[in-house]
Protein backbone atom coordinates (compact mmCIF):
# COMPACT_ATOMS: atom_id res chain seq x y z
CA MET A 1 -56.70 6.14 101.72
CA SER A 2 -58.95 3.91 99.54
CA SER A 3 -61.74 6.61 99.54
CA ASN A 4 -59.27 9.23 98.35
CA LEU A 5 -58.13 6.90 95.56
CA PHE A 6 -61.79 6.10 94.58
CA GLY A 7 -62.61 9.88 94.62
CA MET A 8 -59.55 10.63 92.35
CA ARG A 9 -60.51 7.86 89.97
CA ALA A 10 -64.13 9.09 89.87
CA ARG A 11 -63.03 12.58 88.99
CA LEU A 12 -60.57 11.35 86.46
CA PHE A 13 -63.24 9.32 84.59
CA ALA A 14 -66.08 11.75 85.08
CA PRO A 15 -68.46 12.26 82.13
CA GLU A 16 -67.03 15.76 81.35
CA ASN A 17 -63.57 14.27 81.03
CA ARG A 18 -64.61 11.41 78.73
CA LYS A 19 -63.82 13.33 75.59
CA TRP A 20 -60.25 13.69 76.66
CA TRP A 21 -59.90 10.00 77.20
CA THR A 22 -61.34 9.59 73.66
CA LEU A 23 -58.55 11.74 72.47
CA VAL A 24 -55.98 9.67 74.26
CA ALA A 25 -57.46 6.44 72.80
CA VAL A 26 -57.28 7.92 69.33
CA ALA A 27 -53.77 9.24 69.89
CA VAL A 28 -52.45 5.76 70.74
CA GLY A 29 -53.40 4.52 67.28
CA LEU A 30 -52.33 7.72 65.52
CA PHE A 31 -48.89 7.48 67.17
CA MET A 32 -48.42 4.00 65.94
CA ILE A 33 -49.28 4.62 62.32
CA MET A 34 -47.21 7.77 62.22
CA LEU A 35 -44.26 6.02 63.90
CA ASP A 36 -44.32 3.52 60.97
CA ASN A 37 -43.78 6.40 58.44
CA THR A 38 -40.25 6.95 59.67
CA VAL A 39 -39.22 4.08 61.89
CA VAL A 40 -38.57 1.80 58.98
CA ASN A 41 -36.18 4.13 57.15
CA VAL A 42 -33.16 3.66 59.38
CA ALA A 43 -33.67 -0.10 59.44
CA LEU A 44 -33.49 -0.44 55.70
CA PRO A 45 -29.79 -1.37 55.34
CA SER A 46 -30.26 -4.07 58.04
CA ILE A 47 -33.39 -5.44 56.30
CA ARG A 48 -31.56 -5.57 52.99
CA LYS A 49 -28.51 -7.30 54.44
CA ASN A 50 -30.63 -9.79 56.47
CA LEU A 51 -33.16 -10.67 53.84
CA GLY A 52 -30.81 -10.37 50.86
CA ILE A 53 -33.14 -8.10 48.87
CA SER A 54 -32.46 -5.61 46.10
CA ILE A 55 -32.74 -1.84 46.20
CA SER A 56 -36.05 -2.07 44.12
CA GLU A 57 -37.51 -4.48 46.69
CA LEU A 58 -36.26 -2.29 49.49
CA GLU A 59 -38.17 0.68 47.89
CA TRP A 60 -41.27 -1.44 47.88
CA VAL A 61 -40.94 -2.07 51.68
CA VAL A 62 -41.54 1.67 52.09
CA ASN A 63 -43.76 2.24 49.05
CA ALA A 64 -46.19 -0.71 49.62
CA TYR A 65 -47.21 1.03 52.84
CA ALA A 66 -47.13 4.61 51.78
CA LEU A 67 -48.98 4.01 48.49
CA THR A 68 -51.70 1.81 49.91
CA PHE A 69 -52.13 4.28 52.78
CA GLY A 70 -52.47 7.23 50.30
CA VAL A 71 -54.69 5.52 47.70
CA LEU A 72 -57.24 4.23 50.30
CA LEU A 73 -57.52 7.36 52.52
CA LEU A 74 -60.58 8.71 50.80
CA SER A 75 -62.35 5.32 50.93
CA GLY A 76 -61.34 4.94 54.65
CA GLY A 77 -62.94 8.16 55.45
CA LYS A 78 -66.21 7.26 53.55
CA LEU A 79 -66.32 3.89 55.16
CA ALA A 80 -66.04 5.53 58.60
CA ASP A 81 -68.97 7.85 57.80
CA LEU A 82 -71.00 4.99 56.42
CA LEU A 83 -70.37 2.11 58.89
CA GLY A 84 -69.38 3.94 62.01
CA ARG A 85 -66.16 5.75 62.97
CA ARG A 86 -65.28 3.68 66.04
CA ARG A 87 -65.98 0.41 64.18
CA ILE A 88 -63.78 1.33 61.23
CA TYR A 89 -60.99 2.68 63.58
CA VAL A 90 -60.92 -0.51 65.55
CA VAL A 91 -61.01 -2.71 62.43
CA GLY A 92 -58.12 -0.69 61.03
CA LEU A 93 -56.18 -1.00 64.31
CA ILE A 94 -56.60 -4.82 64.39
CA ILE A 95 -55.54 -5.01 60.67
CA PHE A 96 -52.48 -2.89 61.42
CA THR A 97 -51.51 -4.88 64.54
CA VAL A 98 -51.80 -8.31 62.87
CA SER A 99 -49.94 -7.22 59.81
CA SER A 100 -47.16 -5.71 62.02
CA LEU A 101 -46.69 -9.30 63.44
CA ALA A 102 -46.50 -10.66 59.91
CA CYS A 103 -43.86 -8.04 59.05
CA ALA A 104 -41.81 -9.00 62.10
CA LEU A 105 -41.91 -12.71 61.19
CA ALA A 106 -41.08 -12.21 57.49
CA THR A 107 -38.18 -14.31 56.20
CA GLY A 108 -38.23 -12.87 52.60
CA PRO A 109 -39.11 -9.79 50.61
CA GLU A 110 -42.48 -11.14 49.29
CA VAL A 111 -43.92 -11.62 52.83
CA LEU A 112 -42.51 -8.36 54.10
CA ILE A 113 -43.87 -6.28 51.19
CA GLY A 114 -47.24 -8.02 51.25
CA ALA A 115 -47.53 -7.39 54.99
CA ARG A 116 -46.50 -3.74 54.58
CA THR A 117 -49.24 -3.38 52.01
CA VAL A 118 -51.87 -4.80 54.45
CA GLN A 119 -50.40 -2.33 57.17
CA GLY A 120 -51.26 0.48 54.73
CA VAL A 121 -54.83 -0.76 54.44
CA GLY A 122 -55.15 -0.60 58.24
CA ALA A 123 -53.61 2.87 58.47
CA ALA A 124 -55.89 4.12 55.72
CA LEU A 125 -58.94 2.96 57.72
CA MET A 126 -57.67 4.48 60.99
CA ASN A 127 -56.43 7.88 59.95
CA PRO A 128 -59.51 9.54 58.67
CA ALA A 129 -61.53 7.96 61.43
CA THR A 130 -59.29 9.68 64.05
CA LEU A 131 -60.11 13.09 62.76
CA SER A 132 -63.83 12.27 62.36
CA ILE A 133 -64.00 10.95 65.94
CA ILE A 134 -62.38 14.15 67.28
CA THR A 135 -64.80 16.34 65.24
CA ALA A 136 -67.77 14.34 66.45
CA THR A 137 -66.66 14.29 70.11
CA PHE A 138 -65.46 17.79 70.77
CA PRO A 139 -67.60 21.04 70.73
CA PRO A 140 -66.32 23.72 68.36
CA ARG A 141 -64.79 25.78 71.16
CA GLN A 142 -62.41 22.88 72.05
CA ARG A 143 -62.07 21.25 68.64
CA GLY A 144 -59.03 23.38 67.63
CA THR A 145 -57.21 22.48 70.81
CA ALA A 146 -58.00 18.71 70.26
CA ILE A 147 -56.81 18.86 66.74
CA GLY A 148 -53.79 20.69 67.75
CA ILE A 149 -52.88 17.84 70.13
CA TRP A 150 -53.59 15.47 67.23
CA ALA A 151 -51.04 17.26 65.06
CA GLY A 152 -48.58 17.30 67.97
CA VAL A 153 -48.83 13.55 68.32
CA SER A 154 -48.16 13.21 64.57
CA ALA A 155 -45.06 15.29 64.79
CA LEU A 156 -43.84 13.56 67.96
CA ALA A 157 -44.11 10.13 66.34
CA LEU A 158 -42.30 11.35 63.19
CA ALA A 159 -39.49 12.75 65.41
CA PHE A 160 -39.20 9.53 67.61
CA GLY A 161 -39.38 7.14 64.58
CA PRO A 162 -35.72 7.35 63.52
CA ILE A 163 -34.39 7.12 67.12
CA VAL A 164 -36.68 4.17 67.99
CA GLY A 165 -35.85 2.45 64.73
CA GLY A 166 -32.11 2.96 65.26
CA LEU A 167 -32.15 1.68 68.89
CA LEU A 168 -34.26 -1.46 68.05
CA THR A 169 -32.33 -2.25 64.95
CA GLU A 170 -28.86 -1.84 66.38
CA LYS A 171 -29.41 -3.19 69.89
CA ILE A 172 -31.93 -6.05 69.17
CA ASN A 173 -33.07 -6.71 65.58
CA TRP A 174 -34.84 -4.92 62.75
CA SER A 175 -37.92 -7.14 63.31
CA TRP A 176 -38.62 -5.35 66.65
CA ILE A 177 -39.58 -2.13 64.82
CA PHE A 178 -42.76 -4.16 63.96
CA TYR A 179 -43.04 -6.26 67.16
CA ILE A 180 -43.38 -3.02 69.18
CA ASN A 181 -46.61 -2.31 67.42
CA ILE A 182 -48.35 -5.31 68.91
CA PRO A 183 -48.70 -4.19 72.59
CA ILE A 184 -49.55 -0.67 71.41
CA GLY A 185 -52.25 -2.07 69.09
CA VAL A 186 -53.81 -4.14 71.84
CA ILE A 187 -53.86 -1.03 74.23
CA GLY A 188 -55.39 0.99 71.36
CA VAL A 189 -58.18 -1.42 70.73
CA LEU A 190 -59.09 -1.76 74.43
CA GLY A 191 -58.98 2.04 74.85
CA ALA A 192 -61.18 2.58 71.78
CA LEU A 193 -63.82 0.14 73.02
CA ALA A 194 -63.75 1.72 76.45
CA PHE A 195 -63.68 5.40 75.60
CA ILE A 196 -64.84 6.10 72.06
CA ASP A 197 -68.58 6.43 71.36
CA GLU A 198 -69.92 5.20 68.00
CA THR A 199 -70.91 7.97 65.51
CA ARG A 200 -71.67 8.05 61.79
CA ASP A 201 -72.75 10.55 59.21
CA SER A 202 -76.54 10.28 58.63
CA SER A 203 -76.93 13.77 57.13
CA HIS A 204 -76.80 12.59 53.51
CA GLU A 205 -76.56 9.57 51.35
CA GLN A 206 -73.32 7.57 51.62
CA ARG A 207 -71.93 5.08 49.15
CA LEU A 208 -68.54 3.67 48.48
CA ASP A 209 -67.12 4.54 45.05
CA VAL A 210 -65.67 1.15 44.05
CA PRO A 211 -64.91 2.02 40.40
CA GLY A 212 -63.08 5.13 41.45
CA LEU A 213 -61.11 3.29 44.03
CA VAL A 214 -60.05 0.56 41.65
CA ALA A 215 -59.10 2.97 38.86
CA SER A 216 -57.01 5.26 41.09
CA GLY A 217 -55.32 2.33 42.84
CA VAL A 218 -54.32 0.59 39.57
CA GLY A 219 -53.18 3.90 38.07
CA LEU A 220 -51.00 4.91 41.00
CA PHE A 221 -49.67 1.28 41.41
CA ALA A 222 -48.69 1.09 37.77
CA LEU A 223 -47.06 4.54 37.89
CA THR A 224 -45.00 3.73 40.96
CA TYR A 225 -44.07 0.24 39.66
CA GLY A 226 -42.95 1.69 36.32
CA LEU A 227 -40.72 4.24 38.00
CA ILE A 228 -39.17 1.62 40.29
CA GLU A 229 -38.50 -0.63 37.36
CA THR A 230 -36.21 2.01 35.84
CA ASN A 231 -33.65 0.76 38.47
CA ASP A 232 -33.22 -2.43 36.34
CA HIS A 233 -34.59 -1.41 32.89
CA SER A 234 -34.02 1.51 30.53
CA TRP A 235 -36.72 4.28 30.39
CA THR A 236 -37.38 3.27 26.86
CA SER A 237 -37.80 -0.48 27.57
CA THR A 238 -41.16 -2.17 26.74
CA ARG A 239 -41.78 -2.90 30.41
CA VAL A 240 -41.34 0.62 31.70
CA LEU A 241 -43.25 2.27 28.76
CA SER A 242 -46.07 -0.24 29.04
CA LEU A 243 -46.48 0.38 32.79
CA LEU A 244 -46.41 4.20 32.36
CA ALA A 245 -48.89 4.09 29.44
CA PHE A 246 -51.17 1.86 31.52
CA ALA A 247 -50.88 4.19 34.54
CA LEU A 248 -51.90 7.14 32.34
CA LEU A 249 -54.98 5.32 31.00
CA ALA A 250 -56.05 4.27 34.46
CA LEU A 251 -55.72 7.82 35.88
CA VAL A 252 -57.59 9.33 32.95
CA ALA A 253 -60.39 6.76 33.51
CA PHE A 254 -60.37 7.64 37.22
CA ALA A 255 -60.92 11.34 36.34
CA LEU A 256 -63.74 10.59 33.89
CA LEU A 257 -65.36 8.24 36.42
CA GLU A 258 -65.30 10.91 39.13
CA LEU A 259 -66.82 13.48 36.81
CA ARG A 260 -69.81 11.12 35.97
CA GLN A 261 -70.35 9.52 39.32
CA ARG A 262 -73.40 10.75 41.34
CA LEU A 263 -71.47 10.19 44.58
CA PRO A 264 -67.79 10.33 43.62
CA MET A 265 -64.87 9.35 45.89
CA LEU A 266 -63.18 12.62 44.94
CA ASP A 267 -65.29 15.64 44.11
CA LEU A 268 -63.26 17.17 41.27
CA SER A 269 -65.27 20.38 41.40
CA LEU A 270 -63.16 21.30 44.54
CA PHE A 271 -60.20 21.82 42.22
CA ARG A 272 -62.03 24.76 40.51
CA ASN A 273 -61.02 26.78 43.46
CA PRO A 274 -57.42 27.89 42.64
CA THR A 275 -56.48 28.09 46.32
CA PHE A 276 -57.54 24.45 46.88
CA ALA A 277 -55.82 23.30 43.78
CA GLY A 278 -52.62 25.24 44.44
CA ALA A 279 -52.37 24.00 48.05
CA ASN A 280 -52.74 20.40 46.96
CA ALA A 281 -50.26 20.85 44.11
CA ALA A 282 -47.77 22.23 46.64
CA MET A 283 -48.42 19.36 49.08
CA LEU A 284 -47.84 16.81 46.27
CA LEU A 285 -44.58 18.48 45.20
CA VAL A 286 -43.34 18.60 48.86
CA GLY A 287 -44.12 14.84 49.18
CA LEU A 288 -42.44 14.07 45.90
CA ALA A 289 -39.25 16.02 46.82
CA MET A 290 -38.80 15.63 50.55
CA PHE A 291 -39.93 12.11 51.46
CA GLY A 292 -37.99 10.56 48.59
CA ILE A 293 -34.87 12.38 49.88
CA PHE A 294 -35.57 11.21 53.46
CA PHE A 295 -35.44 7.63 52.13
CA TYR A 296 -32.13 8.16 50.34
CA ASN A 297 -30.61 10.26 53.12
CA SER A 298 -30.82 7.22 55.43
CA LEU A 299 -29.14 5.05 52.77
CA PHE A 300 -26.46 7.77 52.21
CA LEU A 301 -25.72 8.10 55.95
CA GLN A 302 -25.35 4.34 56.51
CA ASN A 303 -23.99 3.01 53.20
CA ILE A 304 -21.73 5.89 52.24
CA LEU A 305 -20.71 7.63 55.55
CA GLY A 306 -20.83 4.39 57.58
CA TYR A 307 -23.20 5.62 60.24
CA GLY A 308 -24.92 3.06 62.53
CA ALA A 309 -28.65 2.82 62.78
CA ILE A 310 -28.80 4.82 66.07
CA LYS A 311 -26.50 7.53 64.83
CA THR A 312 -28.57 7.82 61.62
CA GLY A 313 -31.75 8.17 63.57
CA ALA A 314 -30.15 10.80 65.88
CA SER A 315 -28.99 12.76 62.85
CA PHE A 316 -32.57 13.61 61.81
CA LEU A 317 -33.35 15.09 65.27
CA PRO A 318 -32.38 18.70 64.44
CA MET A 319 -34.88 18.71 61.56
CA THR A 320 -37.73 16.97 63.36
CA VAL A 321 -37.38 19.01 66.65
CA LEU A 322 -37.49 22.26 64.50
CA ILE A 323 -40.73 21.03 62.88
CA ILE A 324 -42.33 20.29 66.27
CA LEU A 325 -41.33 23.70 67.71
CA VAL A 326 -42.03 25.95 64.73
CA ALA A 327 -45.06 24.41 63.02
CA PRO A 328 -47.65 25.48 65.60
CA ALA A 329 -46.42 28.96 65.48
CA ALA A 330 -46.48 28.90 61.64
CA GLY A 331 -50.16 27.78 61.80
CA LYS A 332 -51.15 30.68 64.12
CA ILE A 333 -49.34 33.15 61.88
CA SER A 334 -51.15 31.82 58.82
CA ASP A 335 -54.42 32.53 60.47
CA ARG A 336 -53.51 36.23 60.76
CA VAL A 337 -51.58 36.92 57.56
CA GLY A 338 -52.64 34.15 55.24
CA ALA A 339 -50.74 31.01 53.99
CA ARG A 340 -49.51 32.33 50.58
CA TRP A 341 -46.17 33.91 51.49
CA LEU A 342 -45.42 31.43 54.31
CA MET A 343 -45.83 28.53 51.79
CA GLY A 344 -43.66 30.40 49.22
CA VAL A 345 -40.84 31.14 51.71
CA GLY A 346 -41.13 27.59 53.27
CA MET A 347 -40.76 25.81 49.98
CA THR A 348 -37.87 28.12 48.92
CA LEU A 349 -36.10 27.12 52.12
CA LEU A 350 -36.67 23.49 51.21
CA ALA A 351 -35.02 24.08 47.89
CA VAL A 352 -32.12 25.69 49.68
CA SER A 353 -31.94 22.64 52.00
CA LEU A 354 -31.84 20.14 49.08
CA THR A 355 -29.17 22.26 47.37
CA LEU A 356 -27.10 22.01 50.55
CA PHE A 357 -27.51 18.19 50.64
CA GLY A 358 -26.26 18.31 47.04
CA THR A 359 -22.79 19.38 48.36
CA LEU A 360 -22.29 16.28 50.41
CA ASP A 361 -19.80 13.50 49.45
CA GLU A 362 -17.97 10.46 50.89
CA GLN A 363 -15.84 12.70 53.15
CA SER A 364 -18.69 14.76 54.66
CA SER A 365 -19.04 15.03 58.50
CA PHE A 366 -22.17 15.71 60.53
CA LEU A 367 -21.24 19.43 60.54
CA ASN A 368 -21.52 19.40 56.75
CA ILE A 369 -25.03 17.76 56.96
CA LEU A 370 -26.36 19.98 59.78
CA PRO A 371 -27.09 23.14 57.75
CA GLY A 372 -29.30 21.21 55.30
CA LEU A 373 -31.19 19.62 58.23
CA LEU A 374 -31.75 22.94 59.98
CA VAL A 375 -32.95 24.83 56.88
CA GLY A 376 -35.01 21.91 55.90
CA GLY A 377 -36.62 21.55 59.31
CA PHE A 378 -37.50 25.30 59.35
CA GLY A 379 -38.81 25.07 55.78
CA MET A 380 -41.02 22.03 56.48
CA ALA A 381 -42.40 23.65 59.56
CA ILE A 382 -43.58 26.81 57.87
CA THR A 383 -44.83 24.84 54.83
CA MET A 384 -46.95 22.03 56.05
CA ALA A 385 -49.40 23.80 58.45
CA PRO A 386 -50.13 26.82 56.24
CA THR A 387 -50.53 24.53 53.23
CA THR A 388 -53.16 22.50 55.08
CA ALA A 389 -54.82 25.64 56.37
CA ALA A 390 -55.00 27.08 52.84
CA ALA A 391 -56.61 23.90 51.48
CA MET A 392 -59.06 23.55 54.34
CA GLY A 393 -59.99 27.21 54.41
CA SER A 394 -60.96 26.99 50.65
CA VAL A 395 -63.57 24.30 50.96
CA PRO A 396 -67.14 24.68 52.35
CA VAL A 397 -67.91 23.07 55.77
CA ASP A 398 -69.85 20.19 54.35
CA LYS A 399 -66.90 19.18 52.27
CA ALA A 400 -64.33 19.48 55.09
CA GLY A 401 -63.91 15.77 55.48
CA VAL A 402 -63.22 15.27 51.81
CA GLY A 403 -60.87 18.21 51.72
CA SER A 404 -58.89 16.75 54.63
CA ALA A 405 -58.67 13.38 52.91
CA VAL A 406 -57.49 14.89 49.59
CA ILE A 407 -54.67 16.95 51.26
CA ASN A 408 -53.48 13.87 53.22
CA SER A 409 -53.65 11.73 50.09
CA MET A 410 -51.53 14.17 48.24
CA ARG A 411 -48.83 13.97 50.86
CA GLN A 412 -48.92 10.22 51.07
CA VAL A 413 -49.15 9.55 47.33
CA GLY A 414 -46.49 12.20 46.69
CA GLY A 415 -44.17 10.63 49.17
CA SER A 416 -44.58 7.20 47.57
CA LEU A 417 -44.04 8.49 44.09
CA GLY A 418 -41.09 10.56 45.33
CA ILE A 419 -39.22 7.49 46.58
CA ALA A 420 -39.66 5.90 43.12
CA ILE A 421 -38.65 8.98 41.21
CA MET A 422 -35.58 9.62 43.43
CA GLY A 423 -34.66 5.97 43.12
CA ALA A 424 -34.87 6.17 39.33
CA LEU A 425 -32.65 9.23 39.37
CA VAL A 426 -30.05 7.56 41.62
CA ALA A 427 -30.05 4.47 39.46
CA THR A 428 -29.17 6.51 36.32
CA ARG A 429 -25.68 6.95 37.76
CA VAL A 430 -25.03 3.60 39.49
CA THR A 431 -23.64 0.95 37.18
CA VAL A 432 -21.85 -1.34 39.76
CA SER A 433 -22.83 -3.52 42.73
CA PRO A 434 -22.68 -2.02 46.36
CA PHE A 435 -19.53 -4.11 46.99
CA ASN A 436 -17.56 -2.46 44.07
CA PRO A 437 -15.03 0.19 45.17
CA ARG A 438 -16.70 2.63 42.66
CA PHE A 439 -20.16 2.32 44.19
CA PRO A 440 -19.83 5.20 46.72
CA ALA A 441 -18.79 7.71 44.05
CA GLU A 442 -21.52 6.59 41.68
CA PHE A 443 -24.14 6.63 44.49
CA VAL A 444 -23.15 10.14 45.52
CA ALA A 445 -23.39 11.37 41.81
CA GLY A 446 -26.89 9.85 41.60
CA TYR A 447 -27.86 11.29 44.98
CA HIS A 448 -26.75 14.77 43.83
CA ARG A 449 -28.95 14.42 40.70
CA ALA A 450 -31.86 13.43 42.81
CA VAL A 451 -31.60 16.32 45.33
CA HIS A 452 -31.24 18.87 42.56
CA VAL A 453 -34.43 17.63 40.80
CA GLY A 454 -36.12 17.70 44.26
CA ALA A 455 -35.01 21.32 44.73
CA ALA A 456 -36.55 22.24 41.33
CA MET A 457 -39.79 20.50 42.40
CA VAL A 458 -40.18 22.47 45.66
CA LEU A 459 -39.16 25.71 43.98
CA LEU A 460 -42.04 25.08 41.40
CA GLY A 461 -44.26 24.52 44.43
CA ALA A 462 -43.21 27.86 45.83
CA ILE A 463 -44.10 29.56 42.58
CA ILE A 464 -47.47 27.81 42.35
CA SER A 465 -48.28 28.79 45.92
CA VAL A 466 -47.59 32.51 45.42
CA ALA A 467 -49.51 32.48 42.13
CA THR A 468 -52.73 30.62 43.33
CA VAL A 469 -53.19 30.73 47.08
CA ARG A 470 -55.38 33.45 48.58
CA GLN A 471 -56.69 33.93 52.14
CA ILE A 472 -60.27 32.69 52.26
CA ARG A 473 -62.51 32.85 55.33
CA HIS A 474 -65.81 31.04 55.79
CA GLU A 475 -68.18 32.18 58.36
CA GLY A 476 -68.58 29.57 61.07
CA HIS A 477 -65.99 27.41 59.49
CA GLY A 478 -64.93 24.57 61.80
CA ALA A 479 -61.46 23.79 62.83
CA ALA A 480 -59.25 22.68 59.98
CA GLU A 481 -58.03 19.20 59.84
CA PRO A 482 -54.18 19.17 59.57
CA ALA A 483 -52.37 17.00 57.08
CA ILE A 484 -50.41 14.04 58.29
CA GLY A 485 -47.09 15.19 59.73
CA ALA A 486 -48.12 18.83 59.80
């Protein structure tokens, strides 16, 4: 009996299987950071009630993570190449786990928002490293399969996030959406040390672009902060105008720095390719429109329709299940027919989905919500993978890592800005406190304005896609690295 057990263990951990254990170790950390993209949304009303925080502060609970994640992705990828992919992955995992504990223990908005910011730093170090580790570990003939599993884990985490968040929030306490990360993080660190071999990029000079990092971070922070401040101040107030002007100056400075740097964080010459530029513009617009709406859909379901956290989480399942089932097929079809028309049709469906959400009111039932979720799930599924394939297919092999970081950054930064923009649009119609009898009607009016603007954004993305994206094939091109949530 013991000899059979020993033989099974020997076969399981044989050298030829080590790469698959590497993938498992990477998947543990990936699942955790992707879970945090959606697990928080259904807990927002409970967090607001328990900590007594404002809508603006609640937006920063989500934005602090998403914005830091998006801004630092490019630098995280460069650090992994420079200092070692396993090392940066483990460091990011430790930072993420410790900051999750700080989130769970938070007793006020300042600590929670600060800890969420640090979580974003950890996620930005981990995410690019996961793709680099897979690329370095798997031979080309198996790389596509491995990255397909990587994308499946991302989608699975996004699907389970609302359910897990609802169960923990309703049955225990909102803090447990962060406590759950601690055992996962410990397992992830042990697995990384046991199964991931250290690799780094020694093929060419590597250097961190600190000026570019600072300029982009300051610009995006000022832009997001300025948009969120419109909840409490008019668009023409000195505070809002100053923040938006400062954001513009910082982002212009970033572009000029990247054009002059010998080793820039973002190679702007990539955007001379219309397919790459169009695919990234489309991803940014999808992030702006859809992820801001996800945030406000959670608030609408709980604050206006009176759904509990579990019911809210379950409500998103039709959309997320469709994404999981349809996205792989959409990726395969885009390989054969190109991404252009899939992106155009997908984003048109997203516009239809948002228009359907714009028909909801205080008397809506789940049957009224379901059509928008189904159309949106199908639209997201046939948009995300082809958009990523278009971007990755338009960059040369030696720029594949940067190309992947750019498309992921567009999604993350777009999502963060989308929450701020949608919040500003909702705030234009809300003039009373949440306890006022007029609040539901005013919130619904603001929500309608937000989804209609979102529909216009993704329709613009559809037009850009059809006008700019072309099928490009590179001989010997490696497996494309999918965008987060693809």
